Amino acid sequence: MENRRYPRVAVDPQCRVRFQLGDRCYGNIPIADLGAGGCCIRVPSQVAVGLAGQAPVESLELIHPRLPQEPIKARIAWVHGADGASGTLESGVQFLEVPAAYTQRITEFVRS
């Protein structure tokens, strides 16, 4: 059963994200699923330094022509361990202090 306030949907491989976590910048990170309240990202385990639950994320930007481009604040909500086959971590990212227009554009993208 889905308990999220904002439902998430799987997205195409073109959907990416970039952000800053502490003094480390992450770029071109794949998004597995997306909703108006957050997303699930897949990070190569070898570069996942500092990726831990509750960590603050600065300047998060979605990379896709149909998604808002403005940077927002977020936080890491959870992290699941590395997948032995792919060597990736999955992490939930919760969007924080998001303008209403940003939420609306993501909602429209998710529904389309």
PDB file of N, CA and C in Angstrom:
ATOM      1  N   MET A   1       0.844  -1.185   0.000  1.00  0.00           N
ATOM      2  CA  MET A   1       0.000   0.000   0.000  1.00  0.00           C
ATOM      3  C   MET A   1       0.888   1.246   0.000  1.00  0.00           C
ATOM      4  N   GLU A   2       0.543   2.199  -0.823  1.00  0.00           N
ATOM      5  CA  GLU A   2       1.272   3.458  -0.950  1.00  0.00           C
ATOM      6  C   GLU A   2       0.844   4.411   0.163  1.00  0.00           C
ATOM      7  N   ASN A   3       1.794   4.823   1.001  1.00  0.00           N
ATOM      8  CA  ASN A   3       1.493   5.736   2.104  1.00  0.00           C
ATOM      9  C   ASN A   3       2.028   7.140   1.885  1.00  0.00           C
ATOM     10  N   ARG A   4       2.567   7.403   0.734  1.00  0.00           N
ATOM     11  CA  ARG A   4       3.148   8.717   0.460  1.00  0.00           C
ATOM     12  C   ARG A   4       2.077   9.756   0.200  1.00  0.00           C
ATOM     13  N   ARG A   5       2.393  10.980   0.612  1.00  0.00           N
ATOM     14  CA  ARG A   5       1.497  12.109   0.332  1.00  0.00           C
ATOM     15  C   ARG A   5       1.448  12.367  -1.170  1.00  0.00           C
ATOM     16  N   TYR A   6       2.630  12.288  -1.818  1.00  0.00           N
ATOM     17  CA  TYR A   6       2.728  12.485  -3.250  1.00  0.00           C
ATOM     18  C   TYR A   6       3.161  11.163  -3.889  1.00  0.00           C
ATOM     19  N   PRO A   7       2.326  10.570  -4.720  1.00  0.00           N
ATOM     20  CA  PRO A   7       2.709   9.307  -5.369  1.00  0.00           C
ATOM     21  C   PRO A   7       3.938   9.481  -6.254  1.00  0.00           C
ATOM     22  N   ARG A   8       4.682   8.417  -6.404  1.00  0.00           N
ATOM     23  CA  ARG A   8       5.860   8.411  -7.273  1.00  0.00           C
ATOM     24  C   ARG A   8       5.638   7.436  -8.411  1.00  0.00           C
ATOM     25  N   VAL A   9       6.291   7.728  -9.527  1.00  0.00           N
ATOM     26  CA  VAL A   9       6.241   6.835 -10.678  1.00  0.00           C
ATOM     27  C   VAL A   9       7.656   6.600 -11.185  1.00  0.00           C
ATOM     28  N   ALA A  10       7.865   5.448 -11.792  1.00  0.00           N
ATOM     29  CA  ALA A  10       9.145   5.163 -12.435  1.00  0.00           C
ATOM     30  C   ALA A  10       9.308   6.142 -13.593  1.00  0.00           C
ATOM     31  N   VAL A  11      10.532   6.593 -13.806  1.00  0.00           N
ATOM     32  CA  VAL A  11      10.791   7.568 -14.863  1.00  0.00           C
ATOM     33  C   VAL A  11      11.796   7.003 -15.860  1.00  0.00           C
ATOM     34  N   ASP A  12      11.831   7.634 -17.031  1.00  0.00           N
ATOM     35  CA  ASP A  12      12.741   7.156 -18.076  1.00  0.00           C
ATOM     36  C   ASP A  12      14.190   7.468 -17.695  1.00  0.00           C
ATOM     37  N   PRO A  13      15.138   6.769 -18.303  1.00  0.00           N
ATOM     38  CA  PRO A  13      16.551   6.932 -17.952  1.00  0.00           C
ATOM     39  C   PRO A  13      17.117   8.328 -18.201  1.00  0.00           C
ATOM     40  N   GLN A  14      16.407   9.156 -18.949  1.00  0.00           N
ATOM     41  CA  GLN A  14      16.857  10.534 -19.178  1.00  0.00           C
ATOM     42  C   GLN A  14      16.757  11.382 -17.916  1.00  0.00           C
ATOM     43  N   CYS A  15      15.910  11.010 -16.975  1.00  0.00           N
ATOM     44  CA  CYS A  15      15.730  11.798 -15.757  1.00  0.00           C
ATOM     45  C   CYS A  15      16.934  11.616 -14.850  1.00  0.00           C
ATOM     46  N   ARG A  16      17.597  12.716 -14.576  1.00  0.00           N
ATOM     47  CA  ARG A  16      18.803  12.714 -13.743  1.00  0.00           C
ATOM     48  C   ARG A  16      18.684  13.830 -12.711  1.00  0.00           C
ATOM     49  N   VAL A  17      19.635  13.853 -11.797  1.00  0.00           N
ATOM     50  CA  VAL A  17      19.671  14.877 -10.761  1.00  0.00           C
ATOM     51  C   VAL A  17      21.126  15.226 -10.470  1.00  0.00           C
ATOM     52  N   ARG A  18      21.336  16.456 -10.029  1.00  0.00           N
ATOM     53  CA  ARG A  18      22.648  16.857  -9.518  1.00  0.00           C
ATOM     54  C   ARG A  18      22.396  17.610  -8.217  1.00  0.00           C
ATOM     55  N   PHE A  19      23.363  17.527  -7.302  1.00  0.00           N
ATOM     56  CA  PHE A  19      23.189  18.165  -6.005  1.00  0.00           C
ATOM     57  C   PHE A  19      24.523  18.252  -5.277  1.00  0.00           C
ATOM     58  N   GLN A  20      24.501  19.003  -4.182  1.00  0.00           N
ATOM     59  CA  GLN A  20      25.676  19.109  -3.324  1.00  0.00           C
ATOM     60  C   GLN A  20      25.323  18.520  -1.968  1.00  0.00           C
ATOM     61  N   LEU A  21      26.222  17.699  -1.452  1.00  0.00           N
ATOM     62  CA  LEU A  21      26.061  17.060  -0.150  1.00  0.00           C
ATOM     63  C   LEU A  21      27.340  17.335   0.625  1.00  0.00           C
ATOM     64  N   GLY A  22      27.264  18.261   1.577  1.00  0.00           N
ATOM     65  CA  GLY A  22      28.471  18.700   2.263  1.00  0.00           C
ATOM     66  C   GLY A  22      29.391  19.394   1.275  1.00  0.00           C
ATOM     67  N   ASP A  23      30.640  18.969   1.231  1.00  0.00           N
ATOM     68  CA  ASP A  23      31.580  19.592   0.295  1.00  0.00           C
ATOM     69  C   ASP A  23      31.717  18.799  -1.006  1.00  0.00           C
ATOM     70  N   ARG A  24      30.854  17.824  -1.202  1.00  0.00           N
ATOM     71  CA  ARG A  24      30.925  16.951  -2.379  1.00  0.00           C
ATOM     72  C   ARG A  24      29.773  17.253  -3.344  1.00  0.00           C
ATOM     73  N   CYS A  25      30.093  17.326  -4.622  1.00  0.00           N
ATOM     74  CA  CYS A  25      29.081  17.544  -5.665  1.00  0.00           C
ATOM     75  C   CYS A  25      28.804  16.233  -6.390  1.00  0.00           C
ATOM     76  N   TYR A  26      27.548  15.950  -6.584  1.00  0.00           N
ATOM     77  CA  TYR A  26      27.109  14.778  -7.334  1.00  0.00           C
ATOM     78  C   TYR A  26      26.441  15.271  -8.601  1.00  0.00           C
ATOM     79  N   GLY A  27      26.770  14.677  -9.729  1.00  0.00           N
ATOM     80  CA  GLY A  27      26.170  15.092 -10.988  1.00  0.00           C
ATOM     81  C   GLY A  27      25.760  13.921 -11.835  1.00  0.00           C
ATOM     82  N   ASN A  28      24.728  14.133 -12.634  1.00  0.00           N
ATOM     83  CA  ASN A  28      24.255  13.130 -13.584  1.00  0.00           C
ATOM     84  C   ASN A  28      23.867  11.810 -12.909  1.00  0.00           C
ATOM     85  N   ILE A  29      23.213  11.912 -11.752  1.00  0.00           N
ATOM     86  CA  ILE A  29      22.782  10.743 -10.985  1.00  0.00           C
ATOM     87  C   ILE A  29      21.400  10.317 -11.484  1.00  0.00           C
ATOM     88  N   PRO A  30      21.224   9.038 -11.836  1.00  0.00           N
ATOM     89  CA  PRO A  30      19.927   8.571 -12.340  1.00  0.00           C
ATOM     90  C   PRO A  30      18.827   8.612 -11.276  1.00  0.00           C
ATOM     91  N   ILE A  31      17.641   8.976 -11.726  1.00  0.00           N
ATOM     92  CA  ILE A  31      16.449   8.948 -10.876  1.00  0.00           C
ATOM     93  C   ILE A  31      15.674   7.684 -11.216  1.00  0.00           C
ATOM     94  N   ALA A  32      15.354   6.887 -10.202  1.00  0.00           N
ATOM     95  CA  ALA A  32      14.578   5.662 -10.414  1.00  0.00           C
ATOM     96  C   ALA A  32      13.077   5.953 -10.434  1.00  0.00           C
ATOM     97  N   ASP A  33      12.635   6.757  -9.468  1.00  0.00           N
ATOM     98  CA  ASP A  33      11.236   7.172  -9.453  1.00  0.00           C
ATOM     99  C   ASP A  33      11.144   8.588  -8.928  1.00  0.00           C
ATOM    100  N   LEU A  34      10.026   9.244  -9.247  1.00  0.00           N
ATOM    101  CA  LEU A  34       9.874  10.663  -8.950  1.00  0.00           C
ATOM    102  C   LEU A  34       8.436  10.977  -8.574  1.00  0.00           C
ATOM    103  N   GLY A  35       8.284  11.869  -7.622  1.00  0.00           N
ATOM    104  CA  GLY A  35       6.992  12.401  -7.231  1.00  0.00           C
ATOM    105  C   GLY A  35       7.183  13.834  -6.782  1.00  0.00           C
ATOM    106  N   ALA A  36       6.110  14.539  -6.513  1.00  0.00           N
ATOM    107  CA  ALA A  36       6.212  15.947  -6.140  1.00  0.00           C
ATOM    108  C   ALA A  36       6.908  16.148  -4.805  1.00  0.00           C
ATOM    109  N   GLY A  37       6.988  15.119  -3.970  1.00  0.00           N
ATOM    110  CA  GLY A  37       7.628  15.253  -2.671  1.00  0.00           C
ATOM    111  C   GLY A  37       9.041  14.727  -2.605  1.00  0.00           C
ATOM    112  N   GLY A  38       9.503  14.057  -3.669  1.00  0.00           N
ATOM    113  CA  GLY A  38      10.858  13.518  -3.629  1.00  0.00           C
ATOM    114  C   GLY A  38      11.114  12.537  -4.745  1.00  0.00           C
ATOM    115  N   CYS A  39      12.245  11.845  -4.633  1.00  0.00           N
ATOM    116  CA  CYS A  39      12.628  10.884  -5.653  1.00  0.00           C
ATOM    117  C   CYS A  39      13.511   9.803  -5.048  1.00  0.00           C
ATOM    118  N   CYS A  40      13.702   8.759  -5.805  1.00  0.00           N
ATOM    119  CA  CYS A  40      14.657   7.713  -5.461  1.00  0.00           C
ATOM    120  C   CYS A  40      15.779   7.801  -6.480  1.00  0.00           C
ATOM    121  N   ILE A  41      17.014   7.869  -5.989  1.00  0.00           N
ATOM    122  CA  ILE A  41      18.162   7.972  -6.881  1.00  0.00           C
ATOM    123  C   ILE A  41      19.026   6.721  -6.758  1.00  0.00           C
ATOM    124  N   ARG A  42      19.827   6.475  -7.790  1.00  0.00           N
ATOM    125  CA  ARG A  42      20.765   5.352  -7.795  1.00  0.00           C
ATOM    126  C   ARG A  42      22.176   5.910  -7.942  1.00  0.00           C
ATOM    127  N   VAL A  43      22.970   5.716  -6.901  1.00  0.00           N
ATOM    128  CA  VAL A  43      24.311   6.285  -6.854  1.00  0.00           C
ATOM    129  C   VAL A  43      25.337   5.162  -6.865  1.00  0.00           C
ATOM    130  N   PRO A  44      26.344   5.230  -7.737  1.00  0.00           N
ATOM    131  CA  PRO A  44      27.413   4.225  -7.696  1.00  0.00           C
ATOM    132  C   PRO A  44      28.035   4.196  -6.300  1.00  0.00           C
ATOM    133  N   SER A  45      28.147   3.018  -5.707  1.00  0.00           N
ATOM    134  CA  SER A  45      28.618   2.921  -4.325  1.00  0.00           C
ATOM    135  C   SER A  45      30.018   3.487  -4.133  1.00  0.00           C
ATOM    136  N   GLN A  46      30.857   3.432  -5.151  1.00  0.00           N
ATOM    137  CA  GLN A  46      32.219   3.935  -5.004  1.00  0.00           C
ATOM    138  C   GLN A  46      32.291   5.456  -4.876  1.00  0.00           C
ATOM    139  N   VAL A  47      31.226   6.178  -5.244  1.00  0.00           N
ATOM    140  CA  VAL A  47      31.228   7.638  -5.117  1.00  0.00           C
ATOM    141  C   VAL A  47      30.208   8.141  -4.102  1.00  0.00           C
ATOM    142  N   ALA A  48      29.614   7.254  -3.333  1.00  0.00           N
ATOM    143  CA  ALA A  48      28.525   7.613  -2.427  1.00  0.00           C
ATOM    144  C   ALA A  48      29.014   8.130  -1.071  1.00  0.00           C
ATOM    145  N   VAL A  49      30.094   8.853  -1.054  1.00  0.00           N
ATOM    146  CA  VAL A  49      30.655   9.414   0.169  1.00  0.00           C
ATOM    147  C   VAL A  49      29.666  10.405   0.783  1.00  0.00           C
ATOM    148  N   GLY A  50      29.370  10.247   2.054  1.00  0.00           N
ATOM    149  CA  GLY A  50      28.482  11.172   2.754  1.00  0.00           C
ATOM    150  C   GLY A  50      27.007  10.919   2.566  1.00  0.00           C
ATOM    151  N   LEU A  51      26.655   9.955   1.751  1.00  0.00           N
ATOM    152  CA  LEU A  51      25.251   9.654   1.504  1.00  0.00           C
ATOM    153  C   LEU A  51      24.722   8.831   2.677  1.00  0.00           C
ATOM    154  N   ALA A  52      23.967   9.491   3.556  1.00  0.00           N
ATOM    155  CA  ALA A  52      23.434   8.833   4.743  1.00  0.00           C
ATOM    156  C   ALA A  52      22.092   9.454   5.095  1.00  0.00           C
ATOM    157  N   GLY A  53      21.259   8.691   5.779  1.00  0.00           N
ATOM    158  CA  GLY A  53      19.940   9.167   6.170  1.00  0.00           C
ATOM    159  C   GLY A  53      19.990  10.470   6.940  1.00  0.00           C
ATOM    160  N   GLN A  54      19.091  11.368   6.624  1.00  0.00           N
ATOM    161  CA  GLN A  54      18.905  12.679   7.231  1.00  0.00           C
ATOM    162  C   GLN A  54      19.941  13.715   6.798  1.00  0.00           C
ATOM    163  N   ALA A  55      20.870  13.365   5.926  1.00  0.00           N
ATOM    164  CA  ALA A  55      21.881  14.325   5.467  1.00  0.00           C
ATOM    165  C   ALA A  55      21.215  15.427   4.636  1.00  0.00           C
ATOM    166  N   PRO A  56      21.554  16.693   4.894  1.00  0.00           N
ATOM    167  CA  PRO A  56      20.991  17.792   4.110  1.00  0.00           C
ATOM    168  C   PRO A  56      21.612  17.863   2.714  1.00  0.00           C
ATOM    169  N   VAL A  57      20.764  18.136   1.751  1.00  0.00           N
ATOM    170  CA  VAL A  57      21.178  18.253   0.354  1.00  0.00           C
ATOM    171  C   VAL A  57      20.948  19.696  -0.080  1.00  0.00           C
ATOM    172  N   GLU A  58      21.957  20.294  -0.674  1.00  0.00           N
ATOM    173  CA  GLU A  58      21.857  21.669  -1.160  1.00  0.00           C
ATOM    174  C   GLU A  58      21.850  21.682  -2.686  1.00  0.00           C
ATOM    175  N   SER A  59      21.215  22.677  -3.231  1.00  0.00           N
ATOM    176  CA  SER A  59      21.236  22.942  -4.677  1.00  0.00           C
ATOM    177  C   SER A  59      20.874  21.723  -5.519  1.00  0.00           C
ATOM    178  N   LEU A  60      19.839  21.020  -5.134  1.00  0.00           N
ATOM    179  CA  LEU A  60      19.376  19.880  -5.926  1.00  0.00           C
ATOM    180  C   LEU A  60      18.696  20.404  -7.178  1.00  0.00           C
ATOM    181  N   GLU A  61      19.116  19.894  -8.333  1.00  0.00           N
ATOM    182  CA  GLU A  61      18.523  20.285  -9.611  1.00  0.00           C
ATOM    183  C   GLU A  61      18.133  19.036 -10.387  1.00  0.00           C
ATOM    184  N   LEU A  62      16.914  19.027 -10.886  1.00  0.00           N
ATOM    185  CA  LEU A  62      16.454  17.947 -11.748  1.00  0.00           C
ATOM    186  C   LEU A  62      16.965  18.207 -13.161  1.00  0.00           C
ATOM    187  N   ILE A  63      17.375  17.160 -13.830  1.00  0.00           N
ATOM    188  CA  ILE A  63      17.905  17.290 -15.185  1.00  0.00           C
ATOM    189  C   ILE A  63      16.982  16.542 -16.135  1.00  0.00           C
ATOM    190  N   HIS A  64      16.085  17.272 -16.749  1.00  0.00           N
ATOM    191  CA  HIS A  64      15.153  16.739 -17.748  1.00  0.00           C
ATOM    192  C   HIS A  64      14.428  17.944 -18.338  1.00  0.00           C
ATOM    193  N   PRO A  65      14.234  17.981 -19.645  1.00  0.00           N
ATOM    194  CA  PRO A  65      13.631  19.174 -20.263  1.00  0.00           C
ATOM    195  C   PRO A  65      12.215  19.497 -19.791  1.00  0.00           C
ATOM    196  N   ARG A  66      11.470  18.528 -19.293  1.00  0.00           N
ATOM    197  CA  ARG A  66      10.094  18.778 -18.869  1.00  0.00           C
ATOM    198  C   ARG A  66       9.962  19.002 -17.361  1.00  0.00           C
ATOM    199  N   LEU A  67      11.086  19.053 -16.654  1.00  0.00           N
ATOM    200  CA  LEU A  67      11.045  19.232 -15.203  1.00  0.00           C
ATOM    201  C   LEU A  67      11.616  20.591 -14.819  1.00  0.00           C
ATOM    202  N   PRO A  68      11.210  21.115 -13.644  1.00  0.00           N
ATOM    203  CA  PRO A  68      11.742  22.408 -13.211  1.00  0.00           C
ATOM    204  C   PRO A  68      13.260  22.342 -13.054  1.00  0.00           C
ATOM    205  N   GLN A  69      13.928  23.441 -13.378  1.00  0.00           N
ATOM    206  CA  GLN A  69      15.387  23.480 -13.357  1.00  0.00           C
ATOM    207  C   GLN A  69      15.951  24.216 -12.139  1.00  0.00           C
ATOM    208  N   GLU A  70      15.113  24.892 -11.386  1.00  0.00           N
ATOM    209  CA  GLU A  70      15.634  25.694 -10.274  1.00  0.00           C
ATOM    210  C   GLU A  70      16.145  24.814  -9.130  1.00  0.00           C
ATOM    211  N   PRO A  71      17.230  25.231  -8.499  1.00  0.00           N
ATOM    212  CA  PRO A  71      17.781  24.448  -7.384  1.00  0.00           C
ATOM    213  C   PRO A  71      16.901  24.553  -6.139  1.00  0.00           C
ATOM    214  N   ILE A  72      16.790  23.445  -5.418  1.00  0.00           N
ATOM    215  CA  ILE A  72      16.003  23.407  -4.181  1.00  0.00           C
ATOM    216  C   ILE A  72      16.813  22.728  -3.079  1.00  0.00           C
ATOM    217  N   LYS A  73      16.298  22.821  -1.871  1.00  0.00           N
ATOM    218  CA  LYS A  73      16.869  22.101  -0.733  1.00  0.00           C
ATOM    219  C   LYS A  73      16.159  20.765  -0.617  1.00  0.00           C
ATOM    220  N   ALA A  74      16.872  19.792  -0.094  1.00  0.00           N
ATOM    221  CA  ALA A  74      16.294  18.459   0.106  1.00  0.00           C
ATOM    222  C   ALA A  74      17.039  17.790   1.257  1.00  0.00           C
ATOM    223  N   ARG A  75      16.670  16.557   1.538  1.00  0.00           N
ATOM    224  CA  ARG A  75      17.403  15.767   2.521  1.00  0.00           C
ATOM    225  C   ARG A  75      17.367  14.314   2.092  1.00  0.00           C
ATOM    226  N   ILE A  76      18.388  13.582   2.486  1.00  0.00           N
ATOM    227  CA  ILE A  76      18.410  12.148   2.247  1.00  0.00           C
ATOM    228  C   ILE A  76      17.483  11.521   3.280  1.00  0.00           C
ATOM    229  N   ALA A  77      16.465  10.811   2.841  1.00  0.00           N
ATOM    230  CA  ALA A  77      15.502  10.205   3.757  1.00  0.00           C
ATOM    231  C   ALA A  77      15.915   8.795   4.162  1.00  0.00           C
ATOM    232  N   TRP A  78      16.505   8.054   3.237  1.00  0.00           N
ATOM    233  CA  TRP A  78      16.948   6.683   3.519  1.00  0.00           C
ATOM    234  C   TRP A  78      17.984   6.262   2.492  1.00  0.00           C
ATOM    235  N   VAL A  79      18.760   5.258   2.853  1.00  0.00           N
ATOM    236  CA  VAL A  79      19.760   4.693   1.952  1.00  0.00           C
ATOM    237  C   VAL A  79      19.709   3.186   2.090  1.00  0.00           C
ATOM    238  N   HIS A  80      19.638   2.480   0.967  1.00  0.00           N
ATOM    239  CA  HIS A  80      19.699   1.013   0.954  1.00  0.00           C
ATOM    240  C   HIS A  80      21.057   0.610   0.424  1.00  0.00           C
ATOM    241  N   GLY A  81      21.590  -0.471   0.989  1.00  0.00           N
ATOM    242  CA  GLY A  81      22.929  -0.936   0.669  1.00  0.00           C
ATOM    243  C   GLY A  81      23.172  -1.243  -0.788  1.00  0.00           C
ATOM    244  N   ALA A  82      24.427  -1.444  -1.073  1.00  0.00           N
ATOM    245  CA  ALA A  82      24.877  -1.695  -2.449  1.00  0.00           C
ATOM    246  C   ALA A  82      24.317  -2.999  -2.979  1.00  0.00           C
ATOM    247  N   ASP A  83      23.923  -2.964  -4.213  1.00  0.00           N
ATOM    248  CA  ASP A  83      23.477  -4.147  -4.947  1.00  0.00           C
ATOM    249  C   ASP A  83      24.735  -4.822  -5.478  1.00  0.00           C
ATOM    250  N   GLY A  84      24.938  -6.079  -5.120  1.00  0.00           N
ATOM    251  CA  GLY A  84      26.151  -6.784  -5.520  1.00  0.00           C
ATOM    252  C   GLY A  84      26.385  -6.806  -7.012  1.00  0.00           C
ATOM    253  N   ALA A  85      25.331  -6.889  -7.798  1.00  0.00           N
ATOM    254  CA  ALA A  85      25.488  -6.987  -9.251  1.00  0.00           C
ATOM    255  C   ALA A  85      25.857  -5.642  -9.876  1.00  0.00           C
ATOM    256  N   SER A  86      25.220  -4.574  -9.422  1.00  0.00           N
ATOM    257  CA  SER A  86      25.433  -3.280 -10.072  1.00  0.00           C
ATOM    258  C   SER A  86      26.336  -2.344  -9.279  1.00  0.00           C
ATOM    259  N   GLY A  87      26.566  -2.611  -8.009  1.00  0.00           N
ATOM    260  CA  GLY A  87      27.395  -1.729  -7.201  1.00  0.00           C
ATOM    261  C   GLY A  87      26.791  -0.360  -6.979  1.00  0.00           C
ATOM    262  N   THR A  88      25.467  -0.289  -6.859  1.00  0.00           N
ATOM    263  CA  THR A  88      24.803   0.995  -6.641  1.00  0.00           C
ATOM    264  C   THR A  88      24.083   1.006  -5.299  1.00  0.00           C
ATOM    265  N   LEU A  89      23.932   2.213  -4.773  1.00  0.00           N
ATOM    266  CA  LEU A  89      23.098   2.449  -3.607  1.00  0.00           C
ATOM    267  C   LEU A  89      21.816   3.096  -4.089  1.00  0.00           C
ATOM    268  N   GLU A  90      20.711   2.745  -3.474  1.00  0.00           N
ATOM    269  CA  GLU A  90      19.467   3.467  -3.722  1.00  0.00           C
ATOM    270  C   GLU A  90      19.228   4.360  -2.530  1.00  0.00           C
ATOM    271  N   SER A  91      18.762   5.566  -2.807  1.00  0.00           N
ATOM    272  CA  SER A  91      18.526   6.529  -1.748  1.00  0.00           C
ATOM    273  C   SER A  91      17.255   7.310  -2.018  1.00  0.00           C
ATOM    274  N   GLY A  92      16.470   7.497  -0.980  1.00  0.00           N
ATOM    275  CA  GLY A  92      15.289   8.339  -1.069  1.00  0.00           C
ATOM    276  C   GLY A  92      15.666   9.774  -0.755  1.00  0.00           C
ATOM    277  N   VAL A  93      15.193  10.697  -1.573  1.00  0.00           N
ATOM    278  CA  VAL A  93      15.469  12.117  -1.390  1.00  0.00           C
ATOM    279  C   VAL A  93      14.131  12.823  -1.188  1.00  0.00           C
ATOM    280  N   GLN A  94      14.006  13.536  -0.075  1.00  0.00           N
ATOM    281  CA  GLN A  94      12.797  14.292   0.215  1.00  0.00           C
ATOM    282  C   GLN A  94      13.039  15.752  -0.122  1.00  0.00           C
ATOM    283  N   PHE A  95      12.174  16.335  -0.949  1.00  0.00           N
ATOM    284  CA  PHE A  95      12.287  17.742  -1.307  1.00  0.00           C
ATOM    285  C   PHE A  95      11.805  18.601  -0.138  1.00  0.00           C
ATOM    286  N   LEU A  96      12.507  19.706   0.132  1.00  0.00           N
ATOM    287  CA  LEU A  96      12.164  20.618   1.223  1.00  0.00           C
ATOM    288  C   LEU A  96      11.995  22.037   0.692  1.00  0.00           C
ATOM    289  N   GLU A  97      11.134  22.804   1.328  1.00  0.00           N
ATOM    290  CA  GLU A  97      10.947  24.227   0.993  1.00  0.00           C
ATOM    291  C   GLU A  97      10.764  24.443  -0.512  1.00  0.00           C
ATOM    292  N   VAL A  98       9.850  23.687  -1.090  1.00  0.00           N
ATOM    293  CA  VAL A  98       9.646  23.702  -2.540  1.00  0.00           C
ATOM    294  C   VAL A  98       8.531  24.682  -2.910  1.00  0.00           C
ATOM    295  N   PRO A  99       8.776  25.562  -3.876  1.00  0.00           N
ATOM    296  CA  PRO A  99       7.722  26.463  -4.340  1.00  0.00           C
ATOM    297  C   PRO A  99       6.542  25.677  -4.932  1.00  0.00           C
ATOM    298  N   ALA A 100       5.347  26.223  -4.799  1.00  0.00           N
ATOM    299  CA  ALA A 100       4.139  25.558  -5.295  1.00  0.00           C
ATOM    300  C   ALA A 100       4.223  25.276  -6.793  1.00  0.00           C
ATOM    301  N   ALA A 101       4.786  26.191  -7.565  1.00  0.00           N
ATOM    302  CA  ALA A 101       4.890  25.990  -9.017  1.00  0.00           C
ATOM    303  C   ALA A 101       5.800  24.806  -9.341  1.00  0.00           C
ATOM    304  N   TYR A 102       6.820  24.597  -8.561  1.00  0.00           N
ATOM    305  CA  TYR A 102       7.746  23.464  -8.735  1.00  0.00           C
ATOM    306  C   TYR A 102       6.986  22.151  -8.518  1.00  0.00           C
ATOM    307  N   THR A 103       6.250  22.091  -7.400  1.00  0.00           N
ATOM    308  CA  THR A 103       5.453  20.903  -7.083  1.00  0.00           C
ATOM    309  C   THR A 103       4.438  20.624  -8.189  1.00  0.00           C
ATOM    310  N   GLN A 104       3.804  21.680  -8.696  1.00  0.00           N
ATOM    311  CA  GLN A 104       2.804  21.528  -9.753  1.00  0.00           C
ATOM    312  C   GLN A 104       3.417  20.952 -11.025  1.00  0.00           C
ATOM    313  N   ARG A 105       4.588  21.418 -11.408  1.00  0.00           N
ATOM    314  CA  ARG A 105       5.233  20.914 -12.635  1.00  0.00           C
ATOM    315  C   ARG A 105       5.605  19.446 -12.498  1.00  0.00           C
ATOM    316  N   ILE A 106       6.078  19.053 -11.334  1.00  0.00           N
ATOM    317  CA  ILE A 106       6.400  17.637 -11.130  1.00  0.00           C
ATOM    318  C   ILE A 106       5.127  16.800 -11.141  1.00  0.00           C
ATOM    319  N   THR A 107       4.078  17.288 -10.511  1.00  0.00           N
ATOM    320  CA  THR A 107       2.790  16.577 -10.504  1.00  0.00           C
ATOM    321  C   THR A 107       2.295  16.376 -11.931  1.00  0.00           C
ATOM    322  N   GLU A 108       2.375  17.395 -12.765  1.00  0.00           N
ATOM    323  CA  GLU A 108       1.952  17.280 -14.167  1.00  0.00           C
ATOM    324  C   GLU A 108       2.816  16.273 -14.918  1.00  0.00           C
ATOM    325  N   PHE A 109       4.105  16.267 -14.669  1.00  0.00           N
ATOM    326  CA  PHE A 109       5.021  15.326 -15.310  1.00  0.00           C
ATOM    327  C   PHE A 109       4.671  13.883 -14.899  1.00  0.00           C
ATOM    328  N   VAL A 110       4.422  13.687 -13.622  1.00  0.00           N
ATOM    329  CA  VAL A 110       4.107  12.356 -13.102  1.00  0.00           C
ATOM    330  C   VAL A 110       2.797  11.827 -13.694  1.00  0.00           C
ATOM    331  N   ARG A 111       1.837  12.719 -13.866  1.00  0.00           N
ATOM    332  CA  ARG A 111       0.518  12.305 -14.382  1.00  0.00           C
ATOM    333  C   ARG A 111       0.512  12.067 -15.894  1.00  0.00           C
ATOM    334  N   SER A 112       1.510  12.589 -16.611  1.00  0.00           N
ATOM    335  CA  SER A 112       1.500  12.479 -18.072  1.00  0.00           C
ATOM    336  C   SER A 112       2.010  11.138 -18.556  1.00  0.00           C
TER     337      SER A 112
END
